[in-house]
Amino acid sequence: MKLRILLANCAFAFLVWVAFWALVTAITVVLGLTGRLTQSAWEVAAQLANWYALFVGVALIHEYMPLYLGHGRTRRQFAAEGAVTIALFAPFLAALLVISFLLESVLYGMADWPHALGRAHMFTEPTQVPLVFAEHLIKFLAWTTAGAFMGAAFYRFRGNGILSIPVGVAMIAFAHGAMGVDPWGQFLVGWLRVLDRFRFDLPDTAWMPAVGGAGVFLIGLLLTWPIIRDVPLRNQTA
């Protein structure tokens, strides 16, 4: 297994992160100098990374699967590499978020700005590396897995794939509920507000976040495999 999909996505994600980090830092400085900075900027910015992870999952099926099958790989081989890609891409993306928070803490400390959090998290300080990493690892596992499942449904069933959206949304909401954190953040506008109805109030135990993350990952794979195991390739221009 050469893991070309993983390497390609990690390389692209790193380049996106560098540009995004520069943008967030610039906005942070402007807000700080104008006295409008009241919390961690990366707490807000990290919410966009969830959606990035979702579309990585969609692209995994919609873009990479036809390419790999067209070059003679079997569906089983692709499914195995796709699962490993999700399992390893999530911690890579989580590590980038940890670095973001740590760099931000240095900037806030130098400028004497309040490095506070505005929402509930597994961590209480942005510098609590293990907890910051764990929360984002679970988030990205859920969002990428849900994206792959929905991407598979839309690829195979076209318009009828819309029926997979509630299931994908429930996966994400369950993983977040297991951590006791808000699944949707501050970017629910227009019709996206319907997502706010998807929340799970789960027991607050030490093992629940791990169960939520691993459970969603495994269930997502189990739901995705029957869809792609015999999916026919279709003309991408159709």
Protein backbone atom coordinates (compact mmCIF):
# COMPACT_ATOMS: atom_id res chain seq x y z
CA MET A 1 0.00 0.00 0.00
CA LYS A 2 1.73 3.18 -1.22
CA LEU A 3 -0.66 5.61 0.47
CA ARG A 4 -0.45 8.08 -2.40
CA ILE A 5 -3.87 9.48 -1.50
CA LEU A 6 -2.71 10.23 2.04
CA LEU A 7 0.52 11.88 0.94
CA ALA A 8 -1.26 14.00 -1.67
CA ASN A 9 -3.85 15.20 0.81
CA CYS A 10 -1.31 15.89 3.55
CA ALA A 11 0.88 17.90 1.18
CA PHE A 12 -2.06 19.97 -0.07
CA ALA A 13 -3.46 20.43 3.45
CA PHE A 14 -0.09 21.73 4.64
CA LEU A 15 0.02 24.34 1.87
CA VAL A 16 -3.56 25.38 2.63
CA TRP A 17 -2.71 25.59 6.33
CA VAL A 18 0.31 27.85 5.72
CA ALA A 19 -1.83 30.30 3.74
CA PHE A 20 -4.72 30.06 6.21
CA TRP A 21 -2.40 30.54 9.20
CA ALA A 22 -1.01 33.71 7.61
CA LEU A 23 -4.55 35.02 7.00
CA VAL A 24 -5.77 34.22 10.52
CA THR A 25 -2.64 35.78 12.03
CA ALA A 26 -3.12 38.96 10.02
CA ILE A 27 -6.76 39.22 11.10
CA THR A 28 -5.75 38.54 14.70
CA VAL A 29 -3.19 41.36 14.66
CA VAL A 30 -5.70 43.80 13.19
CA LEU A 31 -8.34 42.89 15.79
CA GLY A 32 -5.79 43.06 18.57
CA LEU A 33 -4.46 46.45 17.58
CA THR A 34 -7.98 47.85 17.33
CA GLY A 35 -8.99 46.47 20.73
CA ARG A 36 -11.61 44.07 19.38
CA LEU A 37 -9.85 40.81 20.21
CA THR A 38 -11.61 39.04 23.07
CA GLN A 39 -10.87 35.35 22.51
CA SER A 40 -8.71 32.85 20.66
CA ALA A 41 -8.92 33.56 16.94
CA TRP A 42 -8.06 29.96 16.15
CA GLU A 43 -11.01 28.75 18.19
CA VAL A 44 -13.18 30.38 15.53
CA ALA A 45 -10.92 29.61 12.56
CA ALA A 46 -10.67 25.92 13.48
CA GLN A 47 -14.38 25.53 12.74
CA LEU A 48 -13.63 26.02 9.04
CA ALA A 49 -11.15 23.14 9.24
CA ASN A 50 -14.09 20.84 10.04
CA TRP A 51 -15.68 21.68 6.70
CA TYR A 52 -12.34 21.22 4.96
CA ALA A 53 -12.13 17.71 6.44
CA LEU A 54 -15.67 17.00 5.22
CA PHE A 55 -14.80 17.89 1.64
CA VAL A 56 -11.60 15.85 1.81
CA GLY A 57 -13.83 12.87 2.56
CA VAL A 58 -16.14 13.71 -0.33
CA ALA A 59 -13.19 14.10 -2.71
CA LEU A 60 -11.74 10.80 -1.52
CA ILE A 61 -14.67 9.00 -3.14
CA HIS A 62 -15.79 11.35 -5.88
CA GLU A 63 -12.34 12.21 -7.25
CA TYR A 64 -9.79 9.63 -6.13
CA MET A 65 -11.88 6.46 -6.38
CA PRO A 66 -12.62 6.74 -10.13
CA LEU A 67 -8.97 7.60 -10.75
CA TYR A 68 -7.71 4.56 -8.86
CA LEU A 69 -10.25 2.15 -10.31
CA GLY A 70 -9.50 3.47 -13.78
CA HIS A 71 -5.84 2.54 -13.26
CA GLY A 72 -6.60 -1.08 -12.43
CA ARG A 73 -6.92 -0.99 -8.64
CA THR A 74 -9.71 -3.05 -7.12
CA ARG A 75 -12.48 -1.56 -5.05
CA ARG A 76 -11.31 -3.53 -2.05
CA GLN A 77 -7.77 -2.14 -2.42
CA PHE A 78 -9.12 1.38 -2.70
CA ALA A 79 -11.38 0.90 0.33
CA ALA A 80 -8.43 -0.28 2.42
CA GLU A 81 -6.24 2.63 1.37
CA GLY A 82 -9.11 5.06 1.82
CA ALA A 83 -9.71 3.86 5.38
CA VAL A 84 -6.03 4.18 6.25
CA THR A 85 -5.97 7.62 4.63
CA ILE A 86 -8.80 8.86 6.85
CA ALA A 87 -7.27 7.27 9.95
CA LEU A 88 -3.91 8.99 9.36
CA PHE A 89 -5.06 12.24 7.76
CA ALA A 90 -7.19 13.14 10.80
CA PRO A 91 -4.24 13.19 13.25
CA PHE A 92 -2.13 15.08 10.69
CA LEU A 93 -4.77 17.78 10.45
CA ALA A 94 -5.19 17.77 14.24
CA ALA A 95 -1.44 18.31 14.64
CA LEU A 96 -1.63 21.37 12.40
CA LEU A 97 -4.35 22.78 14.65
CA VAL A 98 -2.21 22.13 17.74
CA ILE A 99 0.65 24.05 16.14
CA SER A 100 -1.76 26.86 15.27
CA PHE A 101 -2.91 27.22 18.86
CA LEU A 102 0.66 27.11 20.18
CA LEU A 103 1.87 29.78 17.75
CA GLU A 104 -1.16 31.85 18.64
CA SER A 105 -0.35 31.56 22.34
CA VAL A 106 3.11 33.00 21.68
CA LEU A 107 1.61 35.95 19.79
CA TYR A 108 -1.03 36.61 22.46
CA GLY A 109 1.58 36.40 25.20
CA MET A 110 3.91 38.87 23.48
CA ALA A 111 1.06 41.33 22.89
CA ASP A 112 -0.60 40.70 26.27
CA TRP A 113 -3.94 39.85 24.64
CA PRO A 114 -6.53 37.65 26.39
CA HIS A 115 -6.08 34.10 25.17
CA ALA A 116 -9.54 32.97 26.25
CA LEU A 117 -11.98 30.41 24.88
CA GLY A 118 -15.55 31.34 24.02
CA ARG A 119 -17.12 27.87 23.87
CA ALA A 120 -16.97 24.53 25.68
CA HIS A 121 -14.13 22.19 24.72
CA MET A 122 -12.34 19.14 26.02
CA PHE A 123 -9.55 21.57 26.90
CA THR A 124 -9.76 24.67 29.07
CA GLU A 125 -6.59 26.32 27.76
CA PRO A 126 -5.42 26.47 24.11
CA THR A 127 -1.98 25.26 25.25
CA GLN A 128 -3.23 21.93 26.63
CA VAL A 129 -1.67 20.01 23.76
CA PRO A 130 -2.94 16.45 24.43
CA LEU A 131 -6.54 17.59 24.86
CA VAL A 132 -6.43 20.01 21.93
CA PHE A 133 -5.04 17.21 19.76
CA ALA A 134 -7.60 14.66 20.99
CA GLU A 135 -10.59 16.93 20.38
CA HIS A 136 -9.56 17.82 16.86
CA LEU A 137 -8.57 14.25 16.05
CA ILE A 138 -12.07 13.05 16.93
CA LYS A 139 -13.65 15.95 15.04
CA PHE A 140 -11.67 15.33 11.86
CA LEU A 141 -12.24 11.57 11.99
CA ALA A 142 -15.99 12.20 12.15
CA TRP A 143 -16.14 14.93 9.50
CA THR A 144 -13.90 13.11 7.01
CA THR A 145 -15.69 9.79 7.50
CA ALA A 146 -19.08 11.44 7.09
CA GLY A 147 -17.83 13.17 3.96
CA ALA A 148 -16.65 9.88 2.46
CA PHE A 149 -19.98 8.20 3.23
CA MET A 150 -22.03 11.01 1.70
CA GLY A 151 -19.62 11.28 -1.23
CA ALA A 152 -20.09 7.57 -1.94
CA ALA A 153 -23.87 7.89 -1.77
CA PHE A 154 -23.94 10.82 -4.17
CA TYR A 155 -21.47 9.14 -6.55
CA ARG A 156 -23.52 5.97 -6.79
CA PHE A 157 -27.07 7.22 -6.41
CA ARG A 158 -26.64 10.75 -7.78
CA GLY A 159 -29.55 12.92 -6.62
CA ASN A 160 -30.86 10.22 -4.29
CA GLY A 161 -27.63 10.58 -2.36
CA ILE A 162 -29.33 13.45 -0.55
CA LEU A 163 -30.86 10.77 1.67
CA SER A 164 -27.39 10.16 3.12
CA ILE A 165 -27.06 13.70 4.48
CA PRO A 166 -29.07 13.15 7.70
CA VAL A 167 -26.96 10.06 8.43
CA GLY A 168 -23.71 11.94 7.82
CA VAL A 169 -24.88 14.85 9.95
CA ALA A 170 -25.84 12.43 12.73
CA MET A 171 -22.32 10.92 12.64
CA ILE A 172 -20.79 14.34 13.14
CA ALA A 173 -23.24 15.35 15.85
CA PHE A 174 -22.70 12.08 17.73
CA ALA A 175 -18.90 12.46 17.76
CA HIS A 176 -19.20 16.04 19.02
CA GLY A 177 -21.83 15.05 21.57
CA ALA A 178 -19.46 12.40 22.89
CA MET A 179 -16.98 15.20 23.65
CA GLY A 180 -19.62 17.58 24.98
CA VAL A 181 -18.78 20.26 22.41
CA ASP A 182 -20.85 22.23 19.92
CA PRO A 183 -20.83 20.41 16.56
CA TRP A 184 -21.71 23.36 14.34
CA GLY A 185 -19.98 26.44 15.70
CA GLN A 186 -20.62 29.98 14.54
CA PHE A 187 -21.08 29.53 10.81
CA LEU A 188 -24.71 28.41 10.63
CA VAL A 189 -26.36 30.88 8.28
CA GLY A 190 -29.45 30.55 6.13
CA TRP A 191 -30.58 26.98 5.56
CA LEU A 192 -27.57 25.64 7.45
CA ARG A 193 -29.37 26.54 10.68
CA VAL A 194 -31.34 23.30 10.31
CA LEU A 195 -28.16 21.50 11.40
CA ASP A 196 -28.57 22.95 14.87
CA ARG A 197 -31.37 20.43 15.44
CA PHE A 198 -28.84 17.60 15.29
CA ARG A 199 -27.33 17.31 18.75
CA PHE A 200 -26.72 14.41 21.12
CA ASP A 201 -26.72 14.75 24.90
CA LEU A 202 -24.41 11.88 25.88
CA PRO A 203 -22.97 10.79 29.25
CA ASP A 204 -20.01 12.87 30.40
CA THR A 205 -17.45 10.12 31.00
CA ALA A 206 -13.73 9.83 30.37
CA TRP A 207 -14.13 7.12 27.74
CA MET A 208 -17.07 8.60 25.82
CA PRO A 209 -14.97 10.80 23.43
CA ALA A 210 -12.92 7.79 22.34
CA VAL A 211 -16.08 5.73 21.85
CA GLY A 212 -17.64 8.54 19.83
CA GLY A 213 -14.65 9.00 17.54
CA ALA A 214 -13.86 5.33 16.99
CA GLY A 215 -17.53 4.40 16.74
CA VAL A 216 -18.31 6.95 14.06
CA PHE A 217 -15.19 5.97 12.10
CA LEU A 218 -16.05 2.26 12.14
CA ILE A 219 -19.76 2.76 11.46
CA GLY A 220 -18.94 5.12 8.61
CA LEU A 221 -16.67 2.53 7.02
CA LEU A 222 -19.29 -0.19 7.43
CA LEU A 223 -21.91 2.00 5.76
CA THR A 224 -19.62 3.15 2.94
CA TRP A 225 -18.26 -0.23 1.86
CA PRO A 226 -21.60 -1.71 0.66
CA ILE A 227 -22.08 1.39 -1.49
CA ILE A 228 -18.71 1.23 -3.25
CA ARG A 229 -17.99 -2.52 -3.28
CA ASP A 230 -19.59 -2.94 -6.72
CA VAL A 231 -20.16 0.67 -7.76
CA PRO A 232 -19.86 1.16 -11.52
CA LEU A 233 -17.56 3.85 -12.84
CA ARG A 234 -19.43 6.63 -14.56
CA ASN A 235 -18.48 9.34 -16.97
CA GLN A 236 -17.30 12.30 -14.91
CA THR A 237 -18.56 14.72 -17.55
CA ALA A 238 -22.08 13.29 -17.45
